[in-house]
């Protein structure tokens, strides 16, 4: 699938600056950058963002549906904390008058990317990757495919890690989860992100706080050493 993205959207005779960006990025990032170049209106869109811990993108009236589709984005960071994307939804119990919070999140945890959930009173998390805080671009994909919910991260040249979160045998209740609420991107996170399928930074009604658009200061560093 990644090879198709790369072959379809990598430009061959364009500005050298765009070529320099594309050649060192993972395939999904090439897809995003290719779309920016080829679609006339895309050049004015906000496709990448730098977050500095207090930065935040909030998108109200969002839906996170684990039964279909994917959440895909690319990130780089030197920090081991913060939420990449997260959503919370308040639900009422049919057996009582109390309400409880349900939530889904992808976050940085112990130098890994973790998927964390609280659904119907059950909370758990799984993580992928090791040392993903090394200022390298990682493509992150959370996808429901063929009856299995999987999380994977990869660099341009290899798949770093993949884990099955749910299928018919484990955590099957997750396969039909759909939450509605405000999607938060980059809360408490320091690093850079590119949007991808299922993660649109400038969706209708979005609000931003302290975002630096279309720049990544981390690209000026070698690794995570100042």
N, C-alpha and C. Protein backbone atom coordinates (compact mmCIF):
# COMPACT_ATOMS: atom_id res chain seq x y z
N UNK A 1 0.83 -1.19 0.00
CA UNK A 1 0.00 0.00 0.00
C UNK A 1 0.87 1.25 0.00
N UNK A 2 1.95 1.25 0.81
CA UNK A 2 2.80 2.43 0.88
C UNK A 2 3.47 2.70 -0.47
N UNK A 3 3.88 1.66 -1.19
CA UNK A 3 4.53 1.86 -2.48
C UNK A 3 3.57 2.52 -3.46
N UNK A 4 2.30 2.18 -3.37
CA UNK A 4 1.31 2.80 -4.27
C UNK A 4 1.22 4.29 -3.99
N UNK A 5 1.17 4.65 -2.71
CA UNK A 5 1.13 6.05 -2.36
C UNK A 5 2.33 6.79 -2.94
N UNK A 6 3.49 6.20 -2.77
CA UNK A 6 4.72 6.87 -3.17
C UNK A 6 4.76 7.05 -4.68
N UNK A 7 4.39 6.01 -5.42
CA UNK A 7 4.44 6.07 -6.88
C UNK A 7 3.38 7.01 -7.43
N UNK A 8 2.26 7.07 -6.77
CA UNK A 8 1.14 7.87 -7.28
C UNK A 8 1.36 9.36 -7.08
N UNK A 9 1.93 9.73 -5.95
CA UNK A 9 1.92 11.14 -5.61
C UNK A 9 3.28 11.81 -5.58
N UNK A 10 4.37 11.09 -5.73
CA UNK A 10 5.67 11.75 -5.71
C UNK A 10 5.88 12.51 -7.00
N UNK A 11 6.06 13.82 -6.94
CA UNK A 11 6.30 14.59 -8.15
C UNK A 11 7.70 14.35 -8.67
N UNK A 12 7.88 14.47 -9.98
CA UNK A 12 9.17 14.17 -10.59
C UNK A 12 9.86 15.40 -11.17
N UNK A 13 9.13 16.40 -11.55
CA UNK A 13 9.74 17.58 -12.16
C UNK A 13 9.13 18.83 -11.55
N UNK A 14 9.44 19.09 -10.28
CA UNK A 14 8.88 20.24 -9.57
C UNK A 14 9.99 20.96 -8.85
N UNK A 15 9.61 21.93 -8.06
CA UNK A 15 10.58 22.71 -7.33
C UNK A 15 11.53 21.83 -6.53
N UNK A 16 12.82 22.17 -6.54
CA UNK A 16 13.81 21.36 -5.85
C UNK A 16 13.55 21.32 -4.35
N UNK A 17 13.01 22.38 -3.82
CA UNK A 17 12.74 22.41 -2.39
C UNK A 17 11.73 21.36 -1.99
N UNK A 18 10.69 21.18 -2.81
CA UNK A 18 9.70 20.15 -2.51
C UNK A 18 10.32 18.78 -2.62
N UNK A 19 11.18 18.58 -3.60
CA UNK A 19 11.86 17.30 -3.75
C UNK A 19 12.71 17.00 -2.52
N UNK A 20 13.37 17.99 -2.00
CA UNK A 20 14.21 17.78 -0.83
C UNK A 20 13.39 17.37 0.38
N UNK A 21 12.18 17.91 0.48
CA UNK A 21 11.30 17.51 1.57
C UNK A 21 10.85 16.07 1.40
N UNK A 22 10.41 15.73 0.19
CA UNK A 22 9.81 14.43 -0.06
C UNK A 22 10.81 13.29 0.09
N UNK A 23 12.03 13.48 -0.36
CA UNK A 23 12.96 12.36 -0.44
C UNK A 23 13.33 11.79 0.92
N UNK A 24 13.17 12.57 1.99
CA UNK A 24 13.53 12.10 3.31
C UNK A 24 12.33 11.81 4.19
N UNK A 25 11.17 11.69 3.58
CA UNK A 25 9.97 11.47 4.36
C UNK A 25 9.37 10.10 4.09
N UNK A 26 8.57 9.59 5.07
CA UNK A 26 7.87 8.33 4.84
C UNK A 26 6.84 8.47 3.75
N UNK A 27 6.40 7.34 3.15
CA UNK A 27 5.50 7.38 2.01
C UNK A 27 4.21 8.12 2.24
N UNK A 28 3.59 7.96 3.43
CA UNK A 28 2.32 8.65 3.65
C UNK A 28 2.54 10.15 3.66
N UNK A 29 3.69 10.59 4.18
CA UNK A 29 3.99 12.01 4.14
C UNK A 29 4.16 12.47 2.71
N UNK A 30 4.72 11.62 1.86
CA UNK A 30 4.83 11.94 0.44
C UNK A 30 3.44 12.12 -0.16
N UNK A 31 2.51 11.27 0.26
CA UNK A 31 1.12 11.42 -0.19
C UNK A 31 0.58 12.79 0.17
N UNK A 32 0.77 13.18 1.43
CA UNK A 32 0.25 14.46 1.89
C UNK A 32 0.87 15.61 1.11
N UNK A 33 2.20 15.57 0.97
CA UNK A 33 2.88 16.65 0.26
C UNK A 33 2.51 16.67 -1.21
N UNK A 34 2.30 15.49 -1.79
CA UNK A 34 1.88 15.42 -3.18
C UNK A 34 0.53 16.07 -3.38
N UNK A 35 -0.38 15.84 -2.44
CA UNK A 35 -1.69 16.46 -2.55
C UNK A 35 -1.59 17.98 -2.43
N UNK A 36 -0.70 18.44 -1.54
CA UNK A 36 -0.52 19.88 -1.40
C UNK A 36 -0.10 20.50 -2.72
N UNK A 37 0.76 19.80 -3.46
CA UNK A 37 1.27 20.36 -4.71
C UNK A 37 0.25 20.29 -5.83
N UNK A 38 -0.46 19.18 -5.93
CA UNK A 38 -1.30 18.96 -7.10
C UNK A 38 -2.68 19.58 -7.01
N UNK A 39 -3.19 19.81 -5.81
CA UNK A 39 -4.51 20.40 -5.71
C UNK A 39 -4.39 21.91 -5.59
N UNK A 40 -5.04 22.66 -6.47
CA UNK A 40 -4.88 24.11 -6.50
C UNK A 40 -5.18 24.80 -5.19
N UNK A 41 -6.19 24.32 -4.46
CA UNK A 41 -6.57 25.01 -3.23
C UNK A 41 -5.78 24.52 -2.04
N UNK A 42 -5.03 23.44 -2.21
CA UNK A 42 -4.38 22.83 -1.06
C UNK A 42 -3.23 23.65 -0.52
N UNK A 43 -2.62 24.50 -1.34
CA UNK A 43 -1.45 25.23 -0.91
C UNK A 43 -1.78 26.18 0.24
N UNK A 44 -3.04 26.57 0.39
CA UNK A 44 -3.43 27.47 1.45
C UNK A 44 -3.92 26.73 2.69
N UNK A 45 -3.93 25.42 2.64
CA UNK A 45 -4.40 24.64 3.77
C UNK A 45 -3.28 24.43 4.77
N UNK A 46 -3.68 24.07 6.00
CA UNK A 46 -2.73 23.88 7.09
C UNK A 46 -2.49 22.39 7.24
N UNK A 47 -1.44 21.91 6.61
CA UNK A 47 -1.18 20.48 6.55
C UNK A 47 -0.22 19.97 7.62
N UNK A 48 0.60 20.86 8.17
CA UNK A 48 1.53 20.45 9.21
C UNK A 48 1.53 21.48 10.31
N UNK A 49 1.93 21.04 11.51
CA UNK A 49 1.89 21.94 12.66
C UNK A 49 3.01 21.60 13.62
N UNK A 50 3.53 22.65 14.26
CA UNK A 50 4.48 22.48 15.36
C UNK A 50 3.76 22.80 16.66
N UNK A 51 3.89 21.90 17.63
CA UNK A 51 3.26 22.05 18.94
C UNK A 51 4.35 22.25 20.00
N UNK A 52 4.08 23.10 20.98
CA UNK A 52 5.09 23.38 22.01
C UNK A 52 4.57 23.15 23.42
N UNK A 53 3.89 22.08 23.65
CA UNK A 53 3.32 21.66 24.94
C UNK A 53 2.01 22.39 25.26
N UNK A 54 1.99 23.70 25.09
CA UNK A 54 0.76 24.45 25.37
C UNK A 54 -0.08 24.65 24.12
N UNK A 55 0.42 24.20 22.97
CA UNK A 55 -0.34 24.34 21.72
C UNK A 55 -1.47 23.31 21.67
N UNK A 56 -2.48 23.60 20.87
CA UNK A 56 -3.61 22.68 20.79
C UNK A 56 -4.47 23.01 19.57
N UNK A 57 -4.93 21.96 18.90
CA UNK A 57 -5.97 22.08 17.89
C UNK A 57 -7.20 21.35 18.42
N UNK A 58 -8.33 22.02 18.43
CA UNK A 58 -9.59 21.42 18.89
C UNK A 58 -10.59 21.42 17.75
N UNK A 59 -11.20 20.27 17.50
CA UNK A 59 -12.17 20.15 16.42
C UNK A 59 -13.49 19.63 17.01
N UNK A 60 -14.48 20.51 17.20
CA UNK A 60 -15.75 20.08 17.79
C UNK A 60 -16.56 19.22 16.83
N UNK A 61 -17.53 18.53 17.41
CA UNK A 61 -18.46 17.71 16.61
C UNK A 61 -17.72 16.69 15.75
N UNK A 62 -16.68 16.11 16.32
CA UNK A 62 -15.91 15.09 15.60
C UNK A 62 -16.41 13.70 15.94
N UNK A 63 -16.07 12.76 15.09
CA UNK A 63 -16.42 11.36 15.32
C UNK A 63 -15.17 10.50 15.16
N UNK A 64 -14.98 9.59 16.11
CA UNK A 64 -13.89 8.61 16.01
C UNK A 64 -14.55 7.24 15.99
N UNK A 65 -14.54 6.62 14.84
CA UNK A 65 -15.24 5.35 14.62
C UNK A 65 -14.21 4.24 14.45
N UNK A 66 -14.14 3.35 15.44
CA UNK A 66 -13.18 2.24 15.37
C UNK A 66 -13.65 1.11 14.47
N UNK A 67 -14.89 1.17 14.01
CA UNK A 67 -15.43 0.07 13.20
C UNK A 67 -14.99 0.14 11.75
N UNK A 68 -14.46 1.28 11.34
CA UNK A 68 -14.08 1.43 9.94
C UNK A 68 -13.04 2.54 9.78
N UNK A 69 -12.39 2.53 8.64
CA UNK A 69 -11.46 3.61 8.32
C UNK A 69 -10.20 3.58 9.15
N UNK A 70 -9.48 4.70 9.12
CA UNK A 70 -8.21 4.77 9.82
C UNK A 70 -7.96 6.17 10.34
N UNK A 71 -7.04 6.26 11.26
CA UNK A 71 -6.47 7.52 11.70
C UNK A 71 -4.99 7.44 11.36
N UNK A 72 -4.56 8.31 10.46
CA UNK A 72 -3.18 8.27 9.97
C UNK A 72 -2.56 9.65 10.05
N UNK A 73 -1.36 9.72 10.58
CA UNK A 73 -0.63 10.98 10.64
C UNK A 73 0.86 10.67 10.77
N UNK A 74 1.68 11.71 10.63
CA UNK A 74 3.12 11.56 10.74
C UNK A 74 3.61 12.52 11.81
N UNK A 75 4.54 12.07 12.65
CA UNK A 75 5.03 12.95 13.71
C UNK A 75 6.53 12.77 13.90
N UNK A 76 7.14 13.78 14.52
CA UNK A 76 8.51 13.68 15.00
C UNK A 76 8.59 14.44 16.31
N UNK A 77 9.37 13.92 17.25
CA UNK A 77 9.46 14.54 18.57
C UNK A 77 10.72 14.11 19.30
N UNK A 78 11.09 14.90 20.28
CA UNK A 78 12.16 14.54 21.21
C UNK A 78 11.59 14.39 22.62
N UNK A 79 10.29 14.53 22.74
CA UNK A 79 9.62 14.55 24.04
C UNK A 79 8.83 13.27 24.28
N UNK A 80 8.83 12.83 25.53
CA UNK A 80 8.17 11.58 25.87
C UNK A 80 6.85 11.82 26.60
N UNK A 81 6.09 12.79 26.16
CA UNK A 81 4.81 13.04 26.80
C UNK A 81 3.88 13.75 25.83
N UNK A 82 2.62 13.75 26.17
CA UNK A 82 1.64 14.48 25.38
C UNK A 82 0.75 13.58 24.55
N UNK A 83 -0.43 14.12 24.23
CA UNK A 83 -1.40 13.42 23.40
C UNK A 83 -1.21 13.82 21.94
N UNK A 84 -1.19 12.84 21.07
CA UNK A 84 -1.16 13.10 19.64
C UNK A 84 -2.57 13.44 19.16
N UNK A 85 -3.50 12.53 19.36
CA UNK A 85 -4.92 12.83 19.12
C UNK A 85 -5.74 12.17 20.23
N UNK A 86 -6.84 12.80 20.61
CA UNK A 86 -7.67 12.26 21.69
C UNK A 86 -9.09 12.79 21.57
N UNK A 87 -10.03 11.99 22.03
CA UNK A 87 -11.44 12.40 22.06
C UNK A 87 -12.09 11.85 23.31
N UNK A 88 -13.00 12.62 23.90
CA UNK A 88 -13.77 12.17 25.05
C UNK A 88 -15.25 12.39 24.77
N UNK A 89 -16.07 11.51 25.35
CA UNK A 89 -17.51 11.60 25.15
C UNK A 89 -18.20 11.22 26.45
N UNK A 90 -19.11 12.04 26.91
CA UNK A 90 -19.87 11.74 28.12
C UNK A 90 -21.08 10.90 27.77
N UNK A 91 -21.23 9.77 28.46
CA UNK A 91 -22.35 8.86 28.21
C UNK A 91 -23.11 8.61 29.49
N UNK A 92 -24.38 8.32 29.36
CA UNK A 92 -25.22 8.02 30.50
C UNK A 92 -25.44 6.53 30.61
N UNK A 93 -25.48 6.03 31.82
CA UNK A 93 -25.73 4.62 32.06
C UNK A 93 -27.22 4.34 32.01
N UNK A 94 -27.60 3.27 31.36
CA UNK A 94 -29.01 2.91 31.26
C UNK A 94 -29.53 2.33 32.58
N UNK A 95 -28.60 2.00 33.48
CA UNK A 95 -28.99 1.38 34.75
C UNK A 95 -28.95 2.37 35.91
N UNK A 96 -28.50 3.58 35.66
CA UNK A 96 -28.47 4.58 36.73
C UNK A 96 -28.55 5.97 36.11
N UNK A 97 -28.65 6.96 36.97
CA UNK A 97 -28.73 8.34 36.50
C UNK A 97 -27.35 8.97 36.34
N UNK A 98 -26.31 8.23 36.66
CA UNK A 98 -24.96 8.78 36.60
C UNK A 98 -24.44 8.79 35.17
N UNK A 99 -23.45 9.62 34.94
CA UNK A 99 -22.80 9.67 33.64
C UNK A 99 -21.32 9.34 33.81
N UNK A 100 -20.70 8.92 32.76
CA UNK A 100 -19.29 8.57 32.82
C UNK A 100 -18.63 8.99 31.51
N UNK A 101 -17.33 9.14 31.58
CA UNK A 101 -16.58 9.60 30.42
C UNK A 101 -15.97 8.43 29.68
N UNK A 102 -16.16 8.42 28.38
CA UNK A 102 -15.51 7.45 27.52
C UNK A 102 -14.48 8.19 26.68
N UNK A 103 -13.39 7.52 26.36
CA UNK A 103 -12.36 8.22 25.62
C UNK A 103 -11.45 7.30 24.83
N UNK A 104 -10.87 7.88 23.78
CA UNK A 104 -9.88 7.20 22.95
C UNK A 104 -8.72 8.17 22.77
N UNK A 105 -7.50 7.64 22.74
CA UNK A 105 -6.35 8.53 22.57
C UNK A 105 -5.16 7.78 22.00
N UNK A 106 -4.39 8.48 21.21
CA UNK A 106 -3.05 8.06 20.82
C UNK A 106 -2.09 9.06 21.45
N UNK A 107 -1.12 8.56 22.19
CA UNK A 107 -0.25 9.43 22.96
C UNK A 107 1.17 8.89 23.04
N UNK A 108 2.08 9.73 23.51
CA UNK A 108 3.46 9.31 23.75
C UNK A 108 3.53 8.73 25.16
N UNK A 109 4.15 7.56 25.29
CA UNK A 109 4.24 6.90 26.59
C UNK A 109 5.48 6.02 26.62
N UNK A 110 6.39 6.32 27.53
CA UNK A 110 7.62 5.53 27.70
C UNK A 110 8.36 5.33 26.37
N UNK A 111 8.52 6.42 25.63
CA UNK A 111 9.23 6.45 24.35
C UNK A 111 8.54 5.61 23.27
N UNK A 112 7.28 5.30 23.49
CA UNK A 112 6.49 4.54 22.52
C UNK A 112 5.23 5.33 22.17
N UNK A 113 4.52 4.84 21.17
CA UNK A 113 3.20 5.37 20.85
C UNK A 113 2.17 4.42 21.45
N UNK A 114 1.26 4.95 22.25
CA UNK A 114 0.27 4.11 22.92
C UNK A 114 -1.13 4.47 22.45
N UNK A 115 -1.97 3.45 22.33
CA UNK A 115 -3.40 3.65 22.12
C UNK A 115 -4.08 3.36 23.44
N UNK A 116 -4.82 4.31 23.95
CA UNK A 116 -5.43 4.22 25.27
C UNK A 116 -6.93 4.39 25.14
N UNK A 117 -7.68 3.61 25.89
CA UNK A 117 -9.14 3.74 25.81
C UNK A 117 -9.81 3.54 27.16
N UNK A 118 -10.94 4.19 27.31
CA UNK A 118 -11.86 3.97 28.42
C UNK A 118 -13.24 3.83 27.79
N UNK A 119 -13.76 2.62 27.79
CA UNK A 119 -15.04 2.31 27.15
C UNK A 119 -15.89 1.48 28.10
N UNK A 120 -17.09 1.97 28.40
CA UNK A 120 -18.02 1.25 29.27
C UNK A 120 -17.36 0.81 30.58
N UNK A 121 -16.57 1.71 31.14
CA UNK A 121 -15.92 1.44 32.41
C UNK A 121 -14.65 0.62 32.32
N UNK A 122 -14.28 0.18 31.14
CA UNK A 122 -13.06 -0.61 30.97
C UNK A 122 -11.96 0.27 30.39
N UNK A 123 -10.82 0.31 31.07
CA UNK A 123 -9.69 1.12 30.62
C UNK A 123 -8.48 0.24 30.39
N UNK A 124 -7.76 0.53 29.32
CA UNK A 124 -6.56 -0.24 29.02
C UNK A 124 -5.75 0.53 27.98
N UNK A 125 -4.59 0.00 27.66
CA UNK A 125 -3.76 0.62 26.62
C UNK A 125 -2.81 -0.42 26.05
N UNK A 126 -2.38 -0.18 24.83
CA UNK A 126 -1.34 -0.98 24.19
C UNK A 126 -0.37 0.00 23.55
N UNK A 127 0.86 -0.42 23.35
CA UNK A 127 1.82 0.50 22.76
C UNK A 127 2.67 -0.20 21.70
N UNK A 128 3.22 0.62 20.82
CA UNK A 128 4.10 0.11 19.76
C UNK A 128 5.35 0.97 19.70
N UNK A 129 6.43 0.36 19.24
CA UNK A 129 7.66 1.09 19.01
C UNK A 129 8.50 1.27 20.25
N UNK A 130 9.78 1.49 20.01
CA UNK A 130 10.72 1.78 21.08
C UNK A 130 11.56 2.98 20.65
N UNK A 131 11.79 3.86 21.58
CA UNK A 131 12.61 5.04 21.30
C UNK A 131 12.10 5.84 20.11
N UNK A 132 10.82 6.13 20.11
CA UNK A 132 10.24 6.94 19.04
C UNK A 132 10.36 8.44 19.34
N UNK A 133 11.19 8.77 20.32
CA UNK A 133 11.43 10.17 20.66
C UNK A 133 12.82 10.60 20.18
N UNK A 134 13.19 10.16 18.98
CA UNK A 134 14.55 10.37 18.47
C UNK A 134 14.60 11.35 17.30
N UNK A 135 13.55 12.16 17.14
CA UNK A 135 13.50 13.17 16.09
C UNK A 135 13.60 12.56 14.69
N UNK A 136 12.94 11.43 14.51
CA UNK A 136 12.78 10.82 13.20
C UNK A 136 11.28 10.84 12.88
N UNK A 137 10.95 11.00 11.60
CA UNK A 137 9.54 11.03 11.21
C UNK A 137 8.95 9.62 11.24
N UNK A 138 7.84 9.47 11.96
CA UNK A 138 7.14 8.19 12.07
C UNK A 138 5.72 8.33 11.52
N UNK A 139 5.35 7.38 10.66
CA UNK A 139 3.98 7.29 10.19
C UNK A 139 3.20 6.41 11.16
N UNK A 140 2.11 6.93 11.67
CA UNK A 140 1.28 6.21 12.64
C UNK A 140 -0.06 5.90 12.00
N UNK A 141 -0.46 4.63 12.06
CA UNK A 141 -1.72 4.20 11.44
C UNK A 141 -2.52 3.37 12.44
N UNK A 142 -3.71 3.83 12.78
CA UNK A 142 -4.67 3.04 13.56
C UNK A 142 -5.79 2.69 12.60
N UNK A 143 -5.99 1.38 12.35
CA UNK A 143 -6.89 0.98 11.27
C UNK A 143 -7.66 -0.28 11.61
N UNK A 144 -8.93 -0.28 11.23
CA UNK A 144 -9.75 -1.48 11.32
C UNK A 144 -9.77 -2.11 9.94
N UNK A 145 -9.17 -3.28 9.81
CA UNK A 145 -9.09 -3.96 8.52
C UNK A 145 -9.32 -5.45 8.70
N UNK A 146 -10.24 -5.99 7.91
CA UNK A 146 -10.54 -7.42 7.96
C UNK A 146 -10.89 -7.90 9.36
N UNK A 147 -11.66 -7.09 10.07
CA UNK A 147 -12.13 -7.51 11.39
C UNK A 147 -11.12 -7.40 12.50
N UNK A 148 -10.04 -6.68 12.27
CA UNK A 148 -9.01 -6.51 13.30
C UNK A 148 -8.62 -5.04 13.40
N UNK A 149 -8.54 -4.55 14.62
CA UNK A 149 -8.08 -3.19 14.87
C UNK A 149 -6.60 -3.25 15.18
N UNK A 150 -5.80 -2.58 14.35
CA UNK A 150 -4.34 -2.65 14.50
C UNK A 150 -3.74 -1.26 14.57
N UNK A 151 -2.63 -1.18 15.29
CA UNK A 151 -1.85 0.05 15.39
C UNK A 151 -0.44 -0.24 14.91
N UNK A 152 0.05 0.58 14.00
CA UNK A 152 1.41 0.39 13.50
C UNK A 152 2.11 1.73 13.38
N UNK A 153 3.43 1.70 13.52
CA UNK A 153 4.24 2.88 13.23
C UNK A 153 5.39 2.43 12.35
N UNK A 154 5.82 3.31 11.46
CA UNK A 154 6.89 2.95 10.54
C UNK A 154 7.66 4.18 10.12
N UNK A 155 8.90 3.97 9.72
CA UNK A 155 9.67 5.01 9.08
C UNK A 155 9.55 4.81 7.59
N UNK A 156 10.22 5.63 6.82
CA UNK A 156 10.13 5.51 5.37
C UNK A 156 10.59 4.14 4.89
N UNK A 157 11.61 3.60 5.51
CA UNK A 157 12.25 2.42 4.94
C UNK A 157 11.83 1.10 5.58
N UNK A 158 11.18 1.13 6.73
CA UNK A 158 10.79 -0.14 7.33
C UNK A 158 9.65 0.06 8.31
N UNK A 159 8.90 -1.02 8.54
CA UNK A 159 7.85 -0.99 9.55
C UNK A 159 8.50 -1.25 10.90
N UNK A 160 8.34 -0.32 11.79
CA UNK A 160 9.00 -0.42 13.08
C UNK A 160 8.27 -1.39 14.00
N UNK A 161 6.95 -1.25 14.07
CA UNK A 161 6.21 -2.08 15.03
C UNK A 161 4.73 -2.09 14.67
N UNK A 162 4.07 -3.21 14.96
CA UNK A 162 2.63 -3.33 14.75
C UNK A 162 2.05 -4.21 15.85
N UNK A 163 0.86 -3.85 16.31
CA UNK A 163 0.20 -4.63 17.34
C UNK A 163 -1.28 -4.72 17.03
N UNK A 164 -1.87 -5.88 17.30
CA UNK A 164 -3.32 -6.05 17.17
C UNK A 164 -3.98 -5.66 18.48
N UNK A 165 -4.86 -4.70 18.41
CA UNK A 165 -5.54 -4.21 19.60
C UNK A 165 -6.81 -5.00 19.88
N UNK A 166 -7.54 -5.31 18.81
CA UNK A 166 -8.82 -6.01 18.99
C UNK A 166 -9.13 -6.85 17.76
N UNK A 167 -9.75 -8.00 18.02
CA UNK A 167 -10.31 -8.84 16.96
C UNK A 167 -11.43 -9.66 17.59
N UNK A 168 -11.84 -10.72 16.94
CA UNK A 168 -12.96 -11.50 17.48
C UNK A 168 -12.60 -12.22 18.78
N UNK A 169 -11.31 -12.32 19.08
CA UNK A 169 -10.87 -13.06 20.27
C UNK A 169 -10.46 -12.15 21.43
N UNK A 170 -9.95 -10.97 21.13
CA UNK A 170 -9.48 -10.07 22.18
C UNK A 170 -10.11 -8.68 22.02
N UNK A 171 -10.56 -8.14 23.13
CA UNK A 171 -11.13 -6.78 23.14
C UNK A 171 -12.15 -6.56 22.02
N UNK A 172 -12.96 -7.56 21.75
CA UNK A 172 -13.88 -7.48 20.61
C UNK A 172 -14.87 -6.32 20.73
N UNK A 173 -15.15 -5.87 21.96
CA UNK A 173 -16.10 -4.77 22.14
C UNK A 173 -15.60 -3.48 21.50
N UNK A 174 -14.29 -3.37 21.27
CA UNK A 174 -13.75 -2.16 20.66
C UNK A 174 -14.09 -2.03 19.18
N UNK A 175 -14.38 -3.13 18.54
CA UNK A 175 -14.55 -3.13 17.09
C UNK A 175 -15.74 -2.30 16.62
N UNK A 176 -16.68 -2.05 17.52
CA UNK A 176 -17.87 -1.28 17.13
C UNK A 176 -17.99 0.04 17.89
N UNK A 177 -16.90 0.49 18.48
CA UNK A 177 -16.93 1.73 19.25
C UNK A 177 -16.95 2.94 18.31
N UNK A 178 -17.83 3.87 18.63
CA UNK A 178 -17.90 5.13 17.88
C UNK A 178 -18.19 6.24 18.87
N UNK A 179 -17.25 7.16 19.01
CA UNK A 179 -17.40 8.26 19.95
C UNK A 179 -17.55 9.59 19.20
N UNK A 180 -18.40 10.44 19.75
CA UNK A 180 -18.59 11.78 19.21
C UNK A 180 -18.21 12.80 20.27
N UNK A 181 -17.51 13.82 19.87
CA UNK A 181 -17.08 14.85 20.81
C UNK A 181 -16.08 15.78 20.16
N UNK A 182 -15.28 16.43 20.98
CA UNK A 182 -14.24 17.32 20.48
C UNK A 182 -12.94 16.55 20.34
N UNK A 183 -12.42 16.51 19.14
CA UNK A 183 -11.13 15.87 18.89
C UNK A 183 -10.03 16.87 19.21
N UNK A 184 -9.12 16.47 20.09
CA UNK A 184 -8.00 17.34 20.46
C UNK A 184 -6.71 16.78 19.86
N UNK A 185 -5.95 17.65 19.24
CA UNK A 185 -4.70 17.26 18.58
C UNK A 185 -3.54 18.00 19.23
N UNK A 186 -2.55 17.25 19.71
CA UNK A 186 -1.32 17.84 20.22
C UNK A 186 -1.37 18.36 21.64
N UNK A 187 -2.33 17.96 22.43
CA UNK A 187 -2.43 18.47 23.80
C UNK A 187 -1.26 17.97 24.65
N UNK A 188 -0.46 18.89 25.18
CA UNK A 188 0.69 18.53 26.01
C UNK A 188 1.87 17.96 25.23
N UNK A 189 1.80 18.03 23.92
CA UNK A 189 2.82 17.43 23.04
C UNK A 189 3.78 18.50 22.55
N UNK A 190 5.06 18.14 22.46
CA UNK A 190 6.05 19.01 21.83
C UNK A 190 6.65 18.28 20.64
N UNK A 191 6.42 18.80 19.46
CA UNK A 191 6.91 18.15 18.26
C UNK A 191 6.14 18.63 17.04
N UNK A 192 6.34 17.94 15.94
CA UNK A 192 5.71 18.32 14.67
C UNK A 192 4.83 17.19 14.17
N UNK A 193 3.75 17.56 13.51
CA UNK A 193 2.83 16.57 12.95
C UNK A 193 2.36 16.99 11.57
N UNK A 194 2.21 16.01 10.69
CA UNK A 194 1.52 16.19 9.41
C UNK A 194 0.19 15.46 9.49
N UNK A 195 -0.86 16.08 8.98
CA UNK A 195 -2.15 15.42 8.93
C UNK A 195 -2.14 14.32 7.88
N UNK A 196 -3.11 13.40 7.98
CA UNK A 196 -3.25 12.32 7.03
C UNK A 196 -4.68 11.85 7.00
N UNK A 197 -4.98 10.74 6.33
CA UNK A 197 -6.35 10.23 6.26
C UNK A 197 -6.97 10.07 7.65
N UNK A 198 -8.12 10.68 7.85
CA UNK A 198 -8.81 10.58 9.13
C UNK A 198 -8.39 11.60 10.16
N UNK A 199 -7.36 12.37 9.86
CA UNK A 199 -6.88 13.41 10.79
C UNK A 199 -6.69 14.70 10.00
N UNK A 200 -7.70 15.56 10.03
CA UNK A 200 -7.68 16.81 9.27
C UNK A 200 -7.57 17.98 10.25
N UNK A 201 -6.43 18.66 10.24
CA UNK A 201 -6.19 19.74 11.19
C UNK A 201 -7.20 20.88 11.07
N UNK A 202 -7.65 21.16 9.87
CA UNK A 202 -8.51 22.33 9.66
C UNK A 202 -9.94 21.93 9.31
N UNK A 203 -10.44 20.89 9.97
CA UNK A 203 -11.84 20.49 9.78
C UNK A 203 -12.76 21.62 10.22
N UNK A 204 -14.00 21.56 9.76
CA UNK A 204 -14.97 22.63 10.04
C UNK A 204 -15.05 22.93 11.53
N UNK A 205 -14.97 24.20 11.87
CA UNK A 205 -15.12 24.64 13.25
C UNK A 205 -13.88 24.50 14.11
N UNK A 206 -12.76 24.16 13.51
CA UNK A 206 -11.56 23.93 14.32
C UNK A 206 -11.10 25.21 15.02
N UNK A 207 -10.47 25.02 16.18
CA UNK A 207 -9.88 26.13 16.92
C UNK A 207 -8.42 25.80 17.19
N UNK A 208 -7.58 26.82 17.12
CA UNK A 208 -6.15 26.61 17.34
C UNK A 208 -5.64 27.48 18.47
N UNK A 209 -4.60 26.97 19.13
CA UNK A 209 -3.99 27.72 20.22
C UNK A 209 -2.47 27.53 20.14
N UNK A 210 -1.75 28.59 19.83
CA UNK A 210 -0.29 28.55 19.84
C UNK A 210 0.33 27.65 18.79
N UNK A 211 -0.33 27.44 17.67
CA UNK A 211 0.19 26.56 16.62
C UNK A 211 1.11 27.33 15.68
N UNK A 212 2.23 26.72 15.32
CA UNK A 212 3.08 27.24 14.26
C UNK A 212 2.85 26.36 13.04
N UNK A 213 2.24 26.93 12.01
CA UNK A 213 1.84 26.14 10.84
C UNK A 213 2.97 26.01 9.82
N UNK A 214 3.02 24.82 9.23
CA UNK A 214 3.88 24.54 8.08
C UNK A 214 5.35 24.83 8.34
N UNK A 215 5.78 24.67 9.58
CA UNK A 215 7.19 24.77 9.95
C UNK A 215 7.49 23.71 10.99
N UNK A 216 8.73 23.23 11.01
CA UNK A 216 9.13 22.27 12.03
C UNK A 216 10.55 22.60 12.50
N UNK A 217 10.68 23.29 13.64
CA UNK A 217 12.00 23.63 14.17
C UNK A 217 12.89 22.41 14.41
N UNK A 218 12.28 21.26 14.65
CA UNK A 218 13.08 20.06 14.92
C UNK A 218 13.90 19.64 13.71
N UNK A 219 13.48 20.05 12.52
CA UNK A 219 14.23 19.69 11.32
C UNK A 219 15.59 20.39 11.26
N UNK A 220 15.77 21.40 12.09
CA UNK A 220 17.05 22.10 12.11
C UNK A 220 18.04 21.43 13.05
N UNK A 221 17.60 20.37 13.73
CA UNK A 221 18.45 19.69 14.69
C UNK A 221 18.89 18.34 14.15
N UNK A 222 20.04 17.87 14.60
CA UNK A 222 20.51 16.53 14.30
C UNK A 222 20.18 15.64 15.49
N UNK A 223 19.21 14.76 15.33
CA UNK A 223 18.76 13.98 16.45
C UNK A 223 18.07 14.88 17.47
N UNK A 224 18.31 14.60 18.74
CA UNK A 224 17.68 15.40 19.79
C UNK A 224 18.71 16.15 20.62
N UNK A 225 19.87 16.40 20.04
CA UNK A 225 20.92 17.15 20.72
C UNK A 225 20.88 18.59 20.24
N UNK A 226 20.79 19.52 21.17
CA UNK A 226 20.77 20.94 20.81
C UNK A 226 22.11 21.37 20.22
